[in-house]
């Protein structure tokens, strides 16, 4: 999902009160997002996120 407030992409990991929790695709600290500030990633955003995860695996 994309946090429209920041433009960051993340994977939904749960809900805490009125917020949805996202974690960066490559791991890291979760953050809370109001549900109305979320949207589906575009095809380009989704691909960029996957490439970034693969690059981290290969140390690039």
PDB file of N, CA and C in Angstrom:
ATOM      1  N   UNK A   1       0.839  -1.171   0.000  1.00  0.00           N
ATOM      2  CA  UNK A   1       0.000   0.000   0.000  1.00  0.00           C
ATOM      3  C   UNK A   1       0.890   1.241   0.000  1.00  0.00           C
ATOM      4  N   UNK A   2       0.320   2.358  -0.352  1.00  0.00           N
ATOM      5  CA  UNK A   2       1.061   3.625  -0.381  1.00  0.00           C
ATOM      6  C   UNK A   2       0.439   4.571   0.646  1.00  0.00           C
ATOM      7  N   UNK A   3       1.290   5.138   1.488  1.00  0.00           N
ATOM      8  CA  UNK A   3       0.882   6.172   2.438  1.00  0.00           C
ATOM      9  C   UNK A   3       0.860   7.471   1.645  1.00  0.00           C
ATOM     10  N   UNK A   4      -0.333   7.994   1.369  1.00  0.00           N
ATOM     11  CA  UNK A   4      -0.448   9.179   0.522  1.00  0.00           C
ATOM     12  C   UNK A   4       0.099  10.435   1.194  1.00  0.00           C
ATOM     13  N   UNK A   5       0.299  10.388   2.500  1.00  0.00           N
ATOM     14  CA  UNK A   5       0.853  11.551   3.203  1.00  0.00           C
ATOM     15  C   UNK A   5       2.341  11.698   2.915  1.00  0.00           C
ATOM     16  N   UNK A   6       3.027  10.558   2.738  1.00  0.00           N
ATOM     17  CA  UNK A   6       4.484  10.588   2.575  1.00  0.00           C
ATOM     18  C   UNK A   6       4.953  10.035   1.234  1.00  0.00           C
ATOM     19  N   UNK A   7       4.104   9.249   0.568  1.00  0.00           N
ATOM     20  CA  UNK A   7       4.494   8.601  -0.682  1.00  0.00           C
ATOM     21  C   UNK A   7       5.246   7.304  -0.462  1.00  0.00           C
ATOM     22  N   UNK A   8       5.441   6.900   0.807  1.00  0.00           N
ATOM     23  CA  UNK A   8       6.160   5.658   1.107  1.00  0.00           C
ATOM     24  C   UNK A   8       5.261   4.454   0.849  1.00  0.00           C
ATOM     25  N   UNK A   9       5.870   3.366   0.348  1.00  0.00           N
ATOM     26  CA  UNK A   9       5.132   2.122   0.158  1.00  0.00           C
ATOM     27  C   UNK A   9       5.442   1.173   1.296  1.00  0.00           C
ATOM     28  N   UNK A  10       4.488   0.313   1.613  1.00  0.00           N
ATOM     29  CA  UNK A  10       4.685  -0.658   2.678  1.00  0.00           C
ATOM     30  C   UNK A  10       3.697  -1.794   2.582  1.00  0.00           C
ATOM     31  N   UNK A  11       3.936  -2.796   3.401  1.00  0.00           N
ATOM     32  CA  UNK A  11       3.079  -3.970   3.478  1.00  0.00           C
ATOM     33  C   UNK A  11       2.220  -3.842   4.726  1.00  0.00           C
ATOM     34  N   UNK A  12       0.926  -4.080   4.593  1.00  0.00           N
ATOM     35  CA  UNK A  12       0.027  -4.013   5.741  1.00  0.00           C
ATOM     36  C   UNK A  12       0.356  -5.171   6.680  1.00  0.00           C
ATOM     37  N   UNK A  13       0.606  -4.828   7.944  1.00  0.00           N
ATOM     38  CA  UNK A  13       0.932  -5.858   8.938  1.00  0.00           C
ATOM     39  C   UNK A  13      -0.135  -5.990  10.008  1.00  0.00           C
ATOM     40  N   UNK A  14      -1.077  -5.052  10.065  1.00  0.00           N
ATOM     41  CA  UNK A  14      -2.128  -5.156  11.063  1.00  0.00           C
ATOM     42  C   UNK A  14      -2.865  -3.847  11.245  1.00  0.00           C
ATOM     43  N   UNK A  15      -3.659  -3.829  12.303  1.00  0.00           N
ATOM     44  CA  UNK A  15      -4.449  -2.655  12.657  1.00  0.00           C
ATOM     45  C   UNK A  15      -4.234  -2.359  14.126  1.00  0.00           C
ATOM     46  N   UNK A  16      -4.127  -1.097  14.465  1.00  0.00           N
ATOM     47  CA  UNK A  16      -3.979  -0.671  15.853  1.00  0.00           C
ATOM     48  C   UNK A  16      -4.938   0.487  16.051  1.00  0.00           C
ATOM     49  N   UNK A  17      -6.028   0.233  16.768  1.00  0.00           N
ATOM     50  CA  UNK A  17      -7.038   1.260  16.938  1.00  0.00           C
ATOM     51  C   UNK A  17      -7.591   1.650  15.575  1.00  0.00           C
ATOM     52  N   UNK A  18      -7.665   2.947  15.288  1.00  0.00           N
ATOM     53  CA  UNK A  18      -8.220   3.376  14.002  1.00  0.00           C
ATOM     54  C   UNK A  18      -7.191   3.373  12.869  1.00  0.00           C
ATOM     55  N   UNK A  19      -5.972   2.923  13.126  1.00  0.00           N
ATOM     56  CA  UNK A  19      -4.897   3.013  12.138  1.00  0.00           C
ATOM     57  C   UNK A  19      -4.551   1.662  11.527  1.00  0.00           C
ATOM     58  N   UNK A  20      -4.033   1.714  10.309  1.00  0.00           N
ATOM     59  CA  UNK A  20      -3.477   0.550   9.629  1.00  0.00           C
ATOM     60  C   UNK A  20      -1.971   0.635   9.811  1.00  0.00           C
ATOM     61  N   UNK A  21      -1.340  -0.486  10.115  1.00  0.00           N
ATOM     62  CA  UNK A  21       0.110  -0.496  10.303  1.00  0.00           C
ATOM     63  C   UNK A  21       0.781  -1.003   9.033  1.00  0.00           C
ATOM     64  N   UNK A  22       1.789  -0.243   8.586  1.00  0.00           N
ATOM     65  CA  UNK A  22       2.577  -0.621   7.418  1.00  0.00           C
ATOM     66  C   UNK A  22       4.020  -0.847   7.829  1.00  0.00           C
ATOM     67  N   UNK A  23       4.685  -1.750   7.128  1.00  0.00           N
ATOM     68  CA  UNK A  23       6.116  -1.994   7.313  1.00  0.00           C
ATOM     69  C   UNK A  23       6.771  -1.886   5.935  1.00  0.00           C
ATOM     70  N   UNK A  24       7.933  -1.249   5.851  1.00  0.00           N
ATOM     71  CA  UNK A  24       8.612  -1.176   4.551  1.00  0.00           C
ATOM     72  C   UNK A  24       8.814  -2.571   3.952  1.00  0.00           C
ATOM     73  N   UNK A  25       8.754  -2.686   2.653  1.00  0.00           N
ATOM     74  CA  UNK A  25       8.871  -3.978   1.969  1.00  0.00           C
ATOM     75  C   UNK A  25      10.144  -4.722   2.324  1.00  0.00           C
ATOM     76  N   UNK A  26      11.222  -4.014   2.504  1.00  0.00           N
ATOM     77  CA  UNK A  26      12.497  -4.647   2.815  1.00  0.00           C
ATOM     78  C   UNK A  26      12.742  -4.828   4.300  1.00  0.00           C
ATOM     79  N   UNK A  27      11.727  -4.553   5.116  1.00  0.00           N
ATOM     80  CA  UNK A  27      11.875  -4.643   6.562  1.00  0.00           C
ATOM     81  C   UNK A  27      12.120  -3.270   7.152  1.00  0.00           C
ATOM     82  N   UNK A  28      11.961  -3.171   8.432  1.00  0.00           N
ATOM     83  CA  UNK A  28      12.158  -1.900   9.102  1.00  0.00           C
ATOM     84  C   UNK A  28      11.042  -1.621  10.083  1.00  0.00           C
ATOM     85  N   UNK A  29      10.991  -0.408  10.538  1.00  0.00           N
ATOM     86  CA  UNK A  29      10.036   0.000  11.561  1.00  0.00           C
ATOM     87  C   UNK A  29       8.661   0.248  10.961  1.00  0.00           C
ATOM     88  N   UNK A  30       7.642  -0.324  11.618  1.00  0.00           N
ATOM     89  CA  UNK A  30       6.268  -0.091  11.202  1.00  0.00           C
ATOM     90  C   UNK A  30       5.857   1.346  11.492  1.00  0.00           C
ATOM     91  N   UNK A  31       4.872   1.812  10.750  1.00  0.00           N
ATOM     92  CA  UNK A  31       4.295   3.113  11.055  1.00  0.00           C
ATOM     93  C   UNK A  31       2.788   3.023  10.882  1.00  0.00           C
ATOM     94  N   UNK A  32       2.082   3.916  11.547  1.00  0.00           N
ATOM     95  CA  UNK A  32       0.623   3.945  11.523  1.00  0.00           C
ATOM     96  C   UNK A  32       0.123   4.920  10.471  1.00  0.00           C
ATOM     97  N   UNK A  33      -0.939   4.498   9.771  1.00  0.00           N
ATOM     98  CA  UNK A  33      -1.519   5.322   8.714  1.00  0.00           C
ATOM     99  C   UNK A  33      -3.043   5.298   8.869  1.00  0.00           C
ATOM    100  N   UNK A  34      -3.684   6.457   8.814  1.00  0.00           N
ATOM    101  CA  UNK A  34      -5.150   6.455   8.797  1.00  0.00           C
ATOM    102  C   UNK A  34      -5.635   5.764   7.518  1.00  0.00           C
ATOM    103  N   UNK A  35      -6.679   4.967   7.602  1.00  0.00           N
ATOM    104  CA  UNK A  35      -7.145   4.237   6.417  1.00  0.00           C
ATOM    105  C   UNK A  35      -7.447   5.128   5.217  1.00  0.00           C
ATOM    106  N   UNK A  36      -7.892   6.355   5.451  1.00  0.00           N
ATOM    107  CA  UNK A  36      -8.213   7.233   4.327  1.00  0.00           C
ATOM    108  C   UNK A  36      -6.961   7.817   3.661  1.00  0.00           C
ATOM    109  N   UNK A  37      -5.776   7.534   4.212  1.00  0.00           N
ATOM    110  CA  UNK A  37      -4.515   8.002   3.625  1.00  0.00           C
ATOM    111  C   UNK A  37      -3.772   6.862   2.933  1.00  0.00           C
ATOM    112  N   UNK A  38      -4.495   5.776   2.605  1.00  0.00           N
ATOM    113  CA  UNK A  38      -3.884   4.632   1.920  1.00  0.00           C
ATOM    114  C   UNK A  38      -4.457   4.489   0.521  1.00  0.00           C
ATOM    115  N   UNK A  39      -3.619   4.008  -0.374  1.00  0.00           N
ATOM    116  CA  UNK A  39      -4.089   3.652  -1.713  1.00  0.00           C
ATOM    117  C   UNK A  39      -3.250   2.491  -2.227  1.00  0.00           C
ATOM    118  N   UNK A  40      -3.770   1.823  -3.244  1.00  0.00           N
ATOM    119  CA  UNK A  40      -3.032   0.749  -3.896  1.00  0.00           C
ATOM    120  C   UNK A  40      -1.857   1.362  -4.657  1.00  0.00           C
ATOM    121  N   UNK A  41      -0.711   0.697  -4.690  1.00  0.00           N
ATOM    122  CA  UNK A  41       0.415   1.217  -5.471  1.00  0.00           C
ATOM    123  C   UNK A  41       0.129   1.086  -6.963  1.00  0.00           C
ATOM    124  N   UNK A  42       0.703   2.012  -7.729  1.00  0.00           N
ATOM    125  CA  UNK A  42       0.633   1.868  -9.180  1.00  0.00           C
ATOM    126  C   UNK A  42       1.518   0.689  -9.578  1.00  0.00           C
ATOM    127  N   UNK A  43       1.404   0.263 -10.809  1.00  0.00           N
ATOM    128  CA  UNK A  43       2.247  -0.837 -11.283  1.00  0.00           C
ATOM    129  C   UNK A  43       3.721  -0.459 -11.158  1.00  0.00           C
ATOM    130  N   UNK A  44       4.053   0.767 -11.480  1.00  0.00           N
ATOM    131  CA  UNK A  44       5.436   1.242 -11.403  1.00  0.00           C
ATOM    132  C   UNK A  44       5.936   1.252  -9.953  1.00  0.00           C
ATOM    133  N   UNK A  45       5.119   1.731  -9.029  1.00  0.00           N
ATOM    134  CA  UNK A  45       5.512   1.758  -7.610  1.00  0.00           C
ATOM    135  C   UNK A  45       5.715   0.348  -7.073  1.00  0.00           C
ATOM    136  N   UNK A  46       4.832  -0.560  -7.458  1.00  0.00           N
ATOM    137  CA  UNK A  46       4.963  -1.944  -7.017  1.00  0.00           C
ATOM    138  C   UNK A  46       6.243  -2.581  -7.529  1.00  0.00           C
ATOM    139  N   UNK A  47       6.570  -2.333  -8.788  1.00  0.00           N
ATOM    140  CA  UNK A  47       7.790  -2.896  -9.379  1.00  0.00           C
ATOM    141  C   UNK A  47       9.022  -2.285  -8.729  1.00  0.00           C
ATOM    142  N   UNK A  48       9.012  -0.978  -8.490  1.00  0.00           N
ATOM    143  CA  UNK A  48      10.164  -0.325  -7.851  1.00  0.00           C
ATOM    144  C   UNK A  48      10.423  -0.901  -6.466  1.00  0.00           C
ATOM    145  N   UNK A  49       9.362  -1.170  -5.740  1.00  0.00           N
ATOM    146  CA  UNK A  49       9.500  -1.742  -4.404  1.00  0.00           C
ATOM    147  C   UNK A  49      10.121  -3.140  -4.477  1.00  0.00           C
ATOM    148  N   UNK A  50       9.677  -3.938  -5.432  1.00  0.00           N
ATOM    149  CA  UNK A  50      10.222  -5.293  -5.587  1.00  0.00           C
ATOM    150  C   UNK A  50      11.694  -5.263  -6.007  1.00  0.00           C
ATOM    151  N   UNK A  51      12.043  -4.345  -6.884  1.00  0.00           N
ATOM    152  CA  UNK A  51      13.437  -4.218  -7.318  1.00  0.00           C
ATOM    153  C   UNK A  51      14.317  -3.787  -6.146  1.00  0.00           C
ATOM    154  N   UNK A  52      13.836  -2.870  -5.316  1.00  0.00           N
ATOM    155  CA  UNK A  52      14.607  -2.412  -4.155  1.00  0.00           C
ATOM    156  C   UNK A  52      14.866  -3.570  -3.192  1.00  0.00           C
ATOM    157  N   UNK A  53      13.866  -4.422  -2.969  1.00  0.00           N
ATOM    158  CA  UNK A  53      14.053  -5.589  -2.091  1.00  0.00           C
ATOM    159  C   UNK A  53      15.093  -6.527  -2.682  1.00  0.00           C
ATOM    160  N   UNK A  54      15.010  -6.792  -3.994  1.00  0.00           N
ATOM    161  CA  UNK A  54      15.976  -7.684  -4.650  1.00  0.00           C
ATOM    162  C   UNK A  54      17.383  -7.097  -4.580  1.00  0.00           C
ATOM    163  N   UNK A  55      17.515  -5.787  -4.787  1.00  0.00           N
ATOM    164  CA  UNK A  55      18.831  -5.168  -4.729  1.00  0.00           C
ATOM    165  C   UNK A  55      19.447  -5.293  -3.337  1.00  0.00           C
ATOM    166  N   UNK A  56      18.648  -5.158  -2.300  1.00  0.00           N
ATOM    167  CA  UNK A  56      19.172  -5.309  -0.934  1.00  0.00           C
ATOM    168  C   UNK A  56      19.657  -6.744  -0.696  1.00  0.00           C
ATOM    169  N   UNK A  57      18.951  -7.715  -1.258  1.00  0.00           N
ATOM    170  CA  UNK A  57      19.371  -9.104  -1.100  1.00  0.00           C
ATOM    171  C   UNK A  57      20.739  -9.343  -1.717  1.00  0.00           C
ATOM    172  N   UNK A  58      20.997  -8.681  -2.837  1.00  0.00           N
ATOM    173  CA  UNK A  58      22.259  -8.865  -3.560  1.00  0.00           C
ATOM    174  C   UNK A  58      23.318  -7.875  -3.135  1.00  0.00           C
ATOM    175  N   UNK A  59      22.982  -7.012  -2.164  1.00  0.00           N
ATOM    176  CA  UNK A  59      23.965  -6.062  -1.667  1.00  0.00           C
ATOM    177  C   UNK A  59      24.239  -4.913  -2.613  1.00  0.00           C
ATOM    178  N   UNK A  60      23.283  -4.587  -3.448  1.00  0.00           N
ATOM    179  CA  UNK A  60      23.457  -3.494  -4.414  1.00  0.00           C
ATOM    180  C   UNK A  60      22.934  -2.191  -3.859  1.00  0.00           C
TER     181      UNK A  60
END
